[in-house]
């Protein structure tokens, strides 16, 4: 992947992290440990009174985008200002695993 494309994806990740915070989600970037044959990808969850999105900080930017978009799809983000590119990411059909 070109450096310019990776830079654009990282900027979108940051925009979606900010959007997640504005709709009440706490975003955590963690190192998710893996076992052989097991692939964890992160996602949204609720722990006590906190709504979280956990992102594997070692995932490529396009996978981080999908985790954030999935969490935001379940929220009301219509009132948020998002760039057209960020809105397209959220409104796109989820990638099949």
PDB file of N, CA and C in Angstrom:
ATOM      1  N   UNK A   1       0.858  -1.176   0.000  1.00  0.00           N
ATOM      2  CA  UNK A   1       0.000   0.000   0.000  1.00  0.00           C
ATOM      3  C   UNK A   1       0.900   1.234   0.000  1.00  0.00           C
ATOM      4  N   UNK A   2       0.523   2.210  -0.777  1.00  0.00           N
ATOM      5  CA  UNK A   2       1.348   3.404  -0.874  1.00  0.00           C
ATOM      6  C   UNK A   2       1.308   4.190   0.435  1.00  0.00           C
ATOM      7  N   UNK A   3       2.361   4.932   0.634  1.00  0.00           N
ATOM      8  CA  UNK A   3       2.467   5.744   1.848  1.00  0.00           C
ATOM      9  C   UNK A   3       1.368   6.795   1.915  1.00  0.00           C
ATOM     10  N   UNK A   4       1.016   7.354   0.772  1.00  0.00           N
ATOM     11  CA  UNK A   4      -0.038   8.381   0.722  1.00  0.00           C
ATOM     12  C   UNK A   4      -1.397   7.776   1.086  1.00  0.00           C
ATOM     13  N   UNK A   5      -1.690   6.588   0.564  1.00  0.00           N
ATOM     14  CA  UNK A   5      -2.966   5.944   0.873  1.00  0.00           C
ATOM     15  C   UNK A   5      -3.028   5.574   2.351  1.00  0.00           C
ATOM     16  N   UNK A   6      -1.941   5.045   2.890  1.00  0.00           N
ATOM     17  CA  UNK A   6      -1.898   4.693   4.309  1.00  0.00           C
ATOM     18  C   UNK A   6      -2.102   5.939   5.169  1.00  0.00           C
ATOM     19  N   UNK A   7      -1.513   7.057   4.766  1.00  0.00           N
ATOM     20  CA  UNK A   7      -1.679   8.313   5.491  1.00  0.00           C
ATOM     21  C   UNK A   7      -3.144   8.771   5.489  1.00  0.00           C
ATOM     22  N   UNK A   8      -3.815   8.632   4.338  1.00  0.00           N
ATOM     23  CA  UNK A   8      -5.242   8.999   4.257  1.00  0.00           C
ATOM     24  C   UNK A   8      -6.088   8.089   5.139  1.00  0.00           C
ATOM     25  N   UNK A   9      -5.774   6.799   5.150  1.00  0.00           N
ATOM     26  CA  UNK A   9      -6.518   5.858   5.989  1.00  0.00           C
ATOM     27  C   UNK A   9      -6.328   6.176   7.465  1.00  0.00           C
ATOM     28  N   UNK A  10      -5.107   6.503   7.859  1.00  0.00           N
ATOM     29  CA  UNK A  10      -4.847   6.859   9.260  1.00  0.00           C
ATOM     30  C   UNK A  10      -5.593   8.129   9.653  1.00  0.00           C
ATOM     31  N   UNK A  11      -5.696   9.093   8.737  1.00  0.00           N
ATOM     32  CA  UNK A  11      -6.461  10.313   9.011  1.00  0.00           C
ATOM     33  C   UNK A  11      -7.939   9.975   9.198  1.00  0.00           C
ATOM     34  N   UNK A  12      -8.472   9.044   8.396  1.00  0.00           N
ATOM     35  CA  UNK A  12      -9.860   8.613   8.561  1.00  0.00           C
ATOM     36  C   UNK A  12     -10.059   7.890   9.885  1.00  0.00           C
ATOM     37  N   UNK A  13      -9.084   7.079  10.277  1.00  0.00           N
ATOM     38  CA  UNK A  13      -9.161   6.393  11.575  1.00  0.00           C
ATOM     39  C   UNK A  13      -9.285   7.435  12.679  1.00  0.00           C
ATOM     40  N   UNK A  14      -8.450   8.452  12.641  1.00  0.00           N
ATOM     41  CA  UNK A  14      -8.488   9.486  13.675  1.00  0.00           C
ATOM     42  C   UNK A  14      -9.821  10.238  13.659  1.00  0.00           C
ATOM     43  N   UNK A  15     -10.357  10.495  12.474  1.00  0.00           N
ATOM     44  CA  UNK A  15     -11.650  11.181  12.387  1.00  0.00           C
ATOM     45  C   UNK A  15     -12.754  10.318  13.002  1.00  0.00           C
ATOM     46  N   UNK A  16     -12.729   9.011  12.736  1.00  0.00           N
ATOM     47  CA  UNK A  16     -13.749   8.132  13.304  1.00  0.00           C
ATOM     48  C   UNK A  16     -13.556   7.931  14.804  1.00  0.00           C
ATOM     49  N   UNK A  17     -12.323   7.955  15.288  1.00  0.00           N
ATOM     50  CA  UNK A  17     -12.087   7.898  16.738  1.00  0.00           C
ATOM     51  C   UNK A  17     -12.726   9.113  17.393  1.00  0.00           C
ATOM     52  N   UNK A  18     -12.527  10.281  16.798  1.00  0.00           N
ATOM     53  CA  UNK A  18     -13.125  11.510  17.323  1.00  0.00           C
ATOM     54  C   UNK A  18     -14.655  11.433  17.280  1.00  0.00           C
ATOM     55  N   UNK A  19     -15.202  10.923  16.187  1.00  0.00           N
ATOM     56  CA  UNK A  19     -16.661  10.784  16.065  1.00  0.00           C
ATOM     57  C   UNK A  19     -17.196   9.822  17.125  1.00  0.00           C
ATOM     58  N   UNK A  20     -16.482   8.731  17.355  1.00  0.00           N
ATOM     59  CA  UNK A  20     -16.907   7.759  18.371  1.00  0.00           C
ATOM     60  C   UNK A  20     -16.963   8.422  19.750  1.00  0.00           C
ATOM     61  N   UNK A  21     -15.959   9.216  20.048  1.00  0.00           N
ATOM     62  CA  UNK A  21     -15.947   9.919  21.340  1.00  0.00           C
ATOM     63  C   UNK A  21     -17.128  10.877  21.450  1.00  0.00           C
ATOM     64  N   UNK A  22     -17.476  11.533  20.345  1.00  0.00           N
ATOM     65  CA  UNK A  22     -18.587  12.490  20.368  1.00  0.00           C
ATOM     66  C   UNK A  22     -19.946  11.829  20.535  1.00  0.00           C
ATOM     67  N   UNK A  23     -20.052  10.532  20.235  1.00  0.00           N
ATOM     68  CA  UNK A  23     -21.328   9.835  20.449  1.00  0.00           C
ATOM     69  C   UNK A  23     -21.298   8.989  21.720  1.00  0.00           C
ATOM     70  N   UNK A  24     -20.288   9.224  22.561  1.00  0.00           N
ATOM     71  CA  UNK A  24     -20.270   8.579  23.869  1.00  0.00           C
ATOM     72  C   UNK A  24     -19.503   7.277  23.980  1.00  0.00           C
ATOM     73  N   UNK A  25     -18.660   6.979  23.013  1.00  0.00           N
ATOM     74  CA  UNK A  25     -17.847   5.772  23.072  1.00  0.00           C
ATOM     75  C   UNK A  25     -16.422   6.122  23.489  1.00  0.00           C
ATOM     76  N   UNK A  26     -15.901   5.375  24.424  1.00  0.00           N
ATOM     77  CA  UNK A  26     -14.496   5.524  24.778  1.00  0.00           C
ATOM     78  C   UNK A  26     -13.699   4.596  23.882  1.00  0.00           C
ATOM     79  N   UNK A  27     -12.687   5.125  23.215  1.00  0.00           N
ATOM     80  CA  UNK A  27     -11.899   4.317  22.289  1.00  0.00           C
ATOM     81  C   UNK A  27     -10.571   3.968  22.955  1.00  0.00           C
ATOM     82  N   UNK A  28     -10.283   2.671  22.968  1.00  0.00           N
ATOM     83  CA  UNK A  28      -9.012   2.186  23.517  1.00  0.00           C
ATOM     84  C   UNK A  28      -8.238   1.470  22.435  1.00  0.00           C
ATOM     85  N   UNK A  29      -6.972   1.791  22.359  1.00  0.00           N
ATOM     86  CA  UNK A  29      -6.073   1.073  21.448  1.00  0.00           C
ATOM     87  C   UNK A  29      -5.215   0.154  22.302  1.00  0.00           C
ATOM     88  N   UNK A  30      -5.421  -1.126  22.110  1.00  0.00           N
ATOM     89  CA  UNK A  30      -4.751  -2.138  22.925  1.00  0.00           C
ATOM     90  C   UNK A  30      -4.009  -3.108  22.017  1.00  0.00           C
ATOM     91  N   UNK A  31      -3.071  -3.814  22.598  1.00  0.00           N
ATOM     92  CA  UNK A  31      -2.442  -4.922  21.887  1.00  0.00           C
ATOM     93  C   UNK A  31      -3.264  -6.157  22.239  1.00  0.00           C
ATOM     94  N   UNK A  32      -3.966  -6.680  21.253  1.00  0.00           N
ATOM     95  CA  UNK A  32      -4.797  -7.858  21.476  1.00  0.00           C
ATOM     96  C   UNK A  32      -3.940  -9.091  21.207  1.00  0.00           C
ATOM     97  N   UNK A  33      -3.819  -9.917  22.226  1.00  0.00           N
ATOM     98  CA  UNK A  33      -3.001 -11.113  22.103  1.00  0.00           C
ATOM     99  C   UNK A  33      -3.733 -12.157  21.277  1.00  0.00           C
ATOM    100  N   UNK A  34      -2.982 -12.908  20.527  1.00  0.00           N
ATOM    101  CA  UNK A  34      -3.551 -13.930  19.643  1.00  0.00           C
ATOM    102  C   UNK A  34      -2.941 -15.285  19.951  1.00  0.00           C
ATOM    103  N   UNK A  35      -3.753 -16.294  19.713  1.00  0.00           N
ATOM    104  CA  UNK A  35      -3.300 -17.675  19.779  1.00  0.00           C
ATOM    105  C   UNK A  35      -3.278 -18.210  18.348  1.00  0.00           C
ATOM    106  N   UNK A  36      -2.599 -19.278  18.130  1.00  0.00           N
ATOM    107  CA  UNK A  36      -2.584 -19.893  16.808  1.00  0.00           C
ATOM    108  C   UNK A  36      -4.004 -20.337  16.463  1.00  0.00           C
ATOM    109  N   UNK A  37      -4.454 -19.962  15.286  1.00  0.00           N
ATOM    110  CA  UNK A  37      -5.781 -20.339  14.838  1.00  0.00           C
ATOM    111  C   UNK A  37      -6.902 -19.451  15.358  1.00  0.00           C
ATOM    112  N   UNK A  38      -6.575 -18.397  16.089  1.00  0.00           N
ATOM    113  CA  UNK A  38      -7.589 -17.500  16.646  1.00  0.00           C
ATOM    114  C   UNK A  38      -7.263 -16.094  16.215  1.00  0.00           C
ATOM    115  N   UNK A  39      -8.234 -15.413  15.644  1.00  0.00           N
ATOM    116  CA  UNK A  39      -8.016 -14.046  15.157  1.00  0.00           C
ATOM    117  C   UNK A  39      -8.991 -13.106  15.845  1.00  0.00           C
ATOM    118  N   UNK A  40      -8.504 -12.334  16.773  1.00  0.00           N
ATOM    119  CA  UNK A  40      -9.322 -11.321  17.449  1.00  0.00           C
ATOM    120  C   UNK A  40      -9.177 -10.016  16.676  1.00  0.00           C
ATOM    121  N   UNK A  41     -10.281  -9.268  16.585  1.00  0.00           N
ATOM    122  CA  UNK A  41     -10.198  -8.026  15.815  1.00  0.00           C
ATOM    123  C   UNK A  41     -10.636  -6.795  16.579  1.00  0.00           C
ATOM    124  N   UNK A  42     -11.118  -6.916  17.777  1.00  0.00           N
ATOM    125  CA  UNK A  42     -11.598  -5.757  18.515  1.00  0.00           C
ATOM    126  C   UNK A  42     -13.056  -5.491  18.204  1.00  0.00           C
ATOM    127  N   UNK A  43     -13.594  -4.445  18.803  1.00  0.00           N
ATOM    128  CA  UNK A  43     -14.985  -4.090  18.563  1.00  0.00           C
ATOM    129  C   UNK A  43     -15.575  -3.331  19.734  1.00  0.00           C
ATOM    130  N   UNK A  44     -16.886  -3.152  19.695  1.00  0.00           N
ATOM    131  CA  UNK A  44     -17.599  -2.398  20.723  1.00  0.00           C
ATOM    132  C   UNK A  44     -18.040  -3.336  21.838  1.00  0.00           C
ATOM    133  N   UNK A  45     -18.043  -2.825  23.053  1.00  0.00           N
ATOM    134  CA  UNK A  45     -18.540  -3.579  24.204  1.00  0.00           C
ATOM    135  C   UNK A  45     -18.933  -2.593  25.303  1.00  0.00           C
ATOM    136  N   UNK A  46     -19.562  -3.120  26.322  1.00  0.00           N
ATOM    137  CA  UNK A  46     -19.941  -2.298  27.476  1.00  0.00           C
ATOM    138  C   UNK A  46     -19.349  -2.954  28.712  1.00  0.00           C
ATOM    139  N   UNK A  47     -18.615  -2.180  29.481  1.00  0.00           N
ATOM    140  CA  UNK A  47     -18.041  -2.645  30.736  1.00  0.00           C
ATOM    141  C   UNK A  47     -18.521  -1.692  31.816  1.00  0.00           C
ATOM    142  N   UNK A  48     -19.307  -2.266  32.736  1.00  0.00           N
ATOM    143  CA  UNK A  48     -19.971  -1.475  33.774  1.00  0.00           C
ATOM    144  C   UNK A  48     -20.752  -0.339  33.142  1.00  0.00           C
ATOM    145  N   UNK A  49     -20.374   0.892  33.409  1.00  0.00           N
ATOM    146  CA  UNK A  49     -21.138   2.010  32.847  1.00  0.00           C
ATOM    147  C   UNK A  49     -20.434   2.669  31.662  1.00  0.00           C
ATOM    148  N   UNK A  50     -19.433   1.998  31.088  1.00  0.00           N
ATOM    149  CA  UNK A  50     -18.687   2.577  29.967  1.00  0.00           C
ATOM    150  C   UNK A  50     -18.979   1.825  28.673  1.00  0.00           C
ATOM    151  N   UNK A  51     -19.235   2.580  27.628  1.00  0.00           N
ATOM    152  CA  UNK A  51     -19.343   2.022  26.280  1.00  0.00           C
ATOM    153  C   UNK A  51     -17.974   2.176  25.631  1.00  0.00           C
ATOM    154  N   UNK A  52     -17.386   1.063  25.239  1.00  0.00           N
ATOM    155  CA  UNK A  52     -16.024   1.067  24.713  1.00  0.00           C
ATOM    156  C   UNK A  52     -15.960   0.555  23.290  1.00  0.00           C
ATOM    157  N   UNK A  53     -14.938   1.006  22.595  1.00  0.00           N
ATOM    158  CA  UNK A  53     -14.524   0.402  21.339  1.00  0.00           C
ATOM    159  C   UNK A  53     -13.054   0.069  21.545  1.00  0.00           C
ATOM    160  N   UNK A  54     -12.748  -1.199  21.402  1.00  0.00           N
ATOM    161  CA  UNK A  54     -11.363  -1.639  21.562  1.00  0.00           C
ATOM    162  C   UNK A  54     -10.810  -1.929  20.178  1.00  0.00           C
ATOM    163  N   UNK A  55      -9.693  -1.300  19.887  1.00  0.00           N
ATOM    164  CA  UNK A  55      -9.038  -1.451  18.590  1.00  0.00           C
ATOM    165  C   UNK A  55      -7.673  -2.075  18.830  1.00  0.00           C
ATOM    166  N   UNK A  56      -7.359  -3.076  18.029  1.00  0.00           N
ATOM    167  CA  UNK A  56      -6.022  -3.661  18.075  1.00  0.00           C
ATOM    168  C   UNK A  56      -5.065  -2.673  17.427  1.00  0.00           C
ATOM    169  N   UNK A  57      -4.180  -2.125  18.204  1.00  0.00           N
ATOM    170  CA  UNK A  57      -3.291  -1.085  17.679  1.00  0.00           C
ATOM    171  C   UNK A  57      -2.324  -1.620  16.629  1.00  0.00           C
ATOM    172  N   UNK A  58      -2.200  -2.941  16.528  1.00  0.00           N
ATOM    173  CA  UNK A  58      -1.298  -3.517  15.534  1.00  0.00           C
ATOM    174  C   UNK A  58      -2.007  -3.906  14.248  1.00  0.00           C
ATOM    175  N   UNK A  59      -3.324  -3.686  14.178  1.00  0.00           N
ATOM    176  CA  UNK A  59      -4.068  -3.949  12.943  1.00  0.00           C
ATOM    177  C   UNK A  59      -3.727  -2.901  11.900  1.00  0.00           C
ATOM    178  N   UNK A  60      -3.808  -3.268  10.637  1.00  0.00           N
ATOM    179  CA  UNK A  60      -3.646  -2.253   9.588  1.00  0.00           C
ATOM    180  C   UNK A  60      -4.777  -1.223   9.678  1.00  0.00           C
ATOM    181  N   UNK A  61      -4.539  -0.051   9.154  1.00  0.00           N
ATOM    182  CA  UNK A  61      -5.509   1.046   9.242  1.00  0.00           C
ATOM    183  C   UNK A  61      -6.864   0.672   8.654  1.00  0.00           C
ATOM    184  N   UNK A  62      -6.903  -0.075   7.551  1.00  0.00           N
ATOM    185  CA  UNK A  62      -8.201  -0.412   6.940  1.00  0.00           C
ATOM    186  C   UNK A  62      -9.023  -1.323   7.856  1.00  0.00           C
ATOM    187  N   UNK A  63      -8.373  -2.173   8.647  1.00  0.00           N
ATOM    188  CA  UNK A  63      -9.102  -3.020   9.596  1.00  0.00           C
ATOM    189  C   UNK A  63      -9.573  -2.205  10.800  1.00  0.00           C
ATOM    190  N   UNK A  64      -8.768  -1.253  11.253  1.00  0.00           N
ATOM    191  CA  UNK A  64      -9.189  -0.370  12.336  1.00  0.00           C
ATOM    192  C   UNK A  64     -10.413   0.437  11.904  1.00  0.00           C
ATOM    193  N   UNK A  65     -10.415   0.884  10.650  1.00  0.00           N
ATOM    194  CA  UNK A  65     -11.561   1.632  10.115  1.00  0.00           C
ATOM    195  C   UNK A  65     -12.829   0.796  10.184  1.00  0.00           C
ATOM    196  N   UNK A  66     -12.738  -0.469   9.819  1.00  0.00           N
ATOM    197  CA  UNK A  66     -13.923  -1.327   9.821  1.00  0.00           C
ATOM    198  C   UNK A  66     -14.454  -1.528  11.241  1.00  0.00           C
ATOM    199  N   UNK A  67     -13.569  -1.696  12.217  1.00  0.00           N
ATOM    200  CA  UNK A  67     -13.999  -1.856  13.613  1.00  0.00           C
ATOM    201  C   UNK A  67     -14.728  -0.596  14.079  1.00  0.00           C
ATOM    202  N   UNK A  68     -14.161   0.563  13.786  1.00  0.00           N
ATOM    203  CA  UNK A  68     -14.789   1.827  14.182  1.00  0.00           C
ATOM    204  C   UNK A  68     -16.111   2.044  13.456  1.00  0.00           C
ATOM    205  N   UNK A  69     -16.140   1.761  12.165  1.00  0.00           N
ATOM    206  CA  UNK A  69     -17.366   1.948  11.389  1.00  0.00           C
ATOM    207  C   UNK A  69     -18.473   1.051  11.925  1.00  0.00           C
ATOM    208  N   UNK A  70     -18.133  -0.179  12.254  1.00  0.00           N
ATOM    209  CA  UNK A  70     -19.129  -1.105  12.799  1.00  0.00           C
ATOM    210  C   UNK A  70     -19.715  -0.574  14.106  1.00  0.00           C
ATOM    211  N   UNK A  71     -18.877  -0.035  14.958  1.00  0.00           N
ATOM    212  CA  UNK A  71     -19.355   0.526  16.233  1.00  0.00           C
ATOM    213  C   UNK A  71     -20.236   1.749  15.993  1.00  0.00           C
ATOM    214  N   UNK A  72     -19.871   2.579  15.032  1.00  0.00           N
ATOM    215  CA  UNK A  72     -20.634   3.796  14.757  1.00  0.00           C
ATOM    216  C   UNK A  72     -21.951   3.511  14.032  1.00  0.00           C
ATOM    217  N   UNK A  73     -22.005   2.431  13.271  1.00  0.00           N
ATOM    218  CA  UNK A  73     -23.257   2.081  12.580  1.00  0.00           C
ATOM    219  C   UNK A  73     -24.389   1.845  13.575  1.00  0.00           C
ATOM    220  N   UNK A  74     -24.047   1.408  14.762  1.00  0.00           N
ATOM    221  CA  UNK A  74     -25.055   1.117  15.788  1.00  0.00           C
ATOM    222  C   UNK A  74     -25.456   2.369  16.565  1.00  0.00           C
ATOM    223  N   UNK A  75     -24.873   3.490  16.253  1.00  0.00           N
ATOM    224  CA  UNK A  75     -25.142   4.758  16.951  1.00  0.00           C
ATOM    225  C   UNK A  75     -25.818   5.750  16.022  1.00  0.00           C
ATOM    226  N   UNK A  76     -26.384   6.787  16.627  1.00  0.00           N
ATOM    227  CA  UNK A  76     -26.966   7.869  15.849  1.00  0.00           C
ATOM    228  C   UNK A  76     -25.860   8.894  15.584  1.00  0.00           C
ATOM    229  N   UNK A  77     -25.340   8.879  14.390  1.00  0.00           N
ATOM    230  CA  UNK A  77     -24.248   9.788  14.038  1.00  0.00           C
ATOM    231  C   UNK A  77     -24.692  10.836  13.022  1.00  0.00           C
ATOM    232  N   UNK A  78     -26.005  10.893  12.726  1.00  0.00           N
ATOM    233  CA  UNK A  78     -26.507  11.817  11.702  1.00  0.00           C
ATOM    234  C   UNK A  78     -26.222  13.281  12.036  1.00  0.00           C
ATOM    235  N   UNK A  79     -26.248  13.641  13.306  1.00  0.00           N
ATOM    236  CA  UNK A  79     -26.048  15.038  13.683  1.00  0.00           C
ATOM    237  C   UNK A  79     -24.568  15.442  13.709  1.00  0.00           C
ATOM    238  N   UNK A  80     -23.674  14.465  13.577  1.00  0.00           N
ATOM    239  CA  UNK A  80     -22.239  14.769  13.603  1.00  0.00           C
ATOM    240  C   UNK A  80     -21.773  15.253  12.241  1.00  0.00           C
ATOM    241  N   UNK A  81     -20.844  16.215  12.266  1.00  0.00           N
ATOM    242  CA  UNK A  81     -20.199  16.553  11.006  1.00  0.00           C
ATOM    243  C   UNK A  81     -19.119  15.506  10.762  1.00  0.00           C
ATOM    244  N   UNK A  82     -19.178  14.886   9.609  1.00  0.00           N
ATOM    245  CA  UNK A  82     -18.141  13.949   9.179  1.00  0.00           C
ATOM    246  C   UNK A  82     -17.779  14.296   7.745  1.00  0.00           C
ATOM    247  N   UNK A  83     -16.533  14.103   7.413  1.00  0.00           N
ATOM    248  CA  UNK A  83     -16.133  14.314   6.025  1.00  0.00           C
ATOM    249  C   UNK A  83     -16.892  13.315   5.151  1.00  0.00           C
ATOM    250  N   UNK A  84     -17.070  13.639   3.883  1.00  0.00           N
ATOM    251  CA  UNK A  84     -17.756  12.701   2.992  1.00  0.00           C
ATOM    252  C   UNK A  84     -17.086  11.312   2.981  1.00  0.00           C
ATOM    253  N   UNK A  85     -15.770  11.265   3.038  1.00  0.00           N
ATOM    254  CA  UNK A  85     -15.060   9.977   3.033  1.00  0.00           C
ATOM    255  C   UNK A  85     -15.385   9.173   4.288  1.00  0.00           C
ATOM    256  N   UNK A  86     -15.413   9.828   5.447  1.00  0.00           N
ATOM    257  CA  UNK A  86     -15.726   9.135   6.704  1.00  0.00           C
ATOM    258  C   UNK A  86     -17.162   8.643   6.693  1.00  0.00           C
ATOM    259  N   UNK A  87     -18.071   9.446   6.190  1.00  0.00           N
ATOM    260  CA  UNK A  87     -19.479   9.047   6.134  1.00  0.00           C
ATOM    261  C   UNK A  87     -19.654   7.838   5.208  1.00  0.00           C
ATOM    262  N   UNK A  88     -18.918   7.823   4.085  1.00  0.00           N
ATOM    263  CA  UNK A  88     -18.987   6.672   3.169  1.00  0.00           C
ATOM    264  C   UNK A  88     -18.497   5.399   3.850  1.00  0.00           C
ATOM    265  N   UNK A  89     -17.440   5.500   4.653  1.00  0.00           N
ATOM    266  CA  UNK A  89     -16.904   4.335   5.355  1.00  0.00           C
ATOM    267  C   UNK A  89     -17.961   3.765   6.300  1.00  0.00           C
ATOM    268  N   UNK A  90     -18.624   4.632   7.058  1.00  0.00           N
ATOM    269  CA  UNK A  90     -19.627   4.174   8.023  1.00  0.00           C
ATOM    270  C   UNK A  90     -20.843   3.600   7.312  1.00  0.00           C
ATOM    271  N   UNK A  91     -21.270   4.250   6.248  1.00  0.00           N
ATOM    272  CA  UNK A  91     -22.498   3.833   5.567  1.00  0.00           C
ATOM    273  C   UNK A  91     -22.299   2.659   4.612  1.00  0.00           C
ATOM    274  N   UNK A  92     -21.054   2.289   4.355  1.00  0.00           N
ATOM    275  CA  UNK A  92     -20.777   1.162   3.452  1.00  0.00           C
ATOM    276  C   UNK A  92     -21.233  -0.146   4.086  1.00  0.00           C
ATOM    277  N   UNK A  93     -21.535  -1.109   3.236  1.00  0.00           N
ATOM    278  CA  UNK A  93     -21.889  -2.441   3.725  1.00  0.00           C
ATOM    279  C   UNK A  93     -20.680  -3.021   4.448  1.00  0.00           C
ATOM    280  N   UNK A  94     -20.917  -3.673   5.601  1.00  0.00           N
ATOM    281  CA  UNK A  94     -19.796  -4.273   6.325  1.00  0.00           C
ATOM    282  C   UNK A  94     -19.093  -5.332   5.471  1.00  0.00           C
ATOM    283  N   UNK A  95     -17.776  -5.376   5.618  1.00  0.00           N
ATOM    284  CA  UNK A  95     -17.001  -6.401   4.912  1.00  0.00           C
ATOM    285  C   UNK A  95     -17.273  -7.752   5.541  1.00  0.00           C
ATOM    286  N   UNK A  96     -17.432  -8.755   4.728  1.00  0.00           N
ATOM    287  CA  UNK A  96     -17.681 -10.096   5.293  1.00  0.00           C
ATOM    288  C   UNK A  96     -16.362 -10.680   5.772  1.00  0.00           C
ATOM    289  N   UNK A  97     -16.439 -11.387   6.890  1.00  0.00           N
ATOM    290  CA  UNK A  97     -15.231 -11.953   7.490  1.00  0.00           C
ATOM    291  C   UNK A  97     -14.945 -13.318   6.942  1.00  0.00           C
TER     292      UNK A  97
END
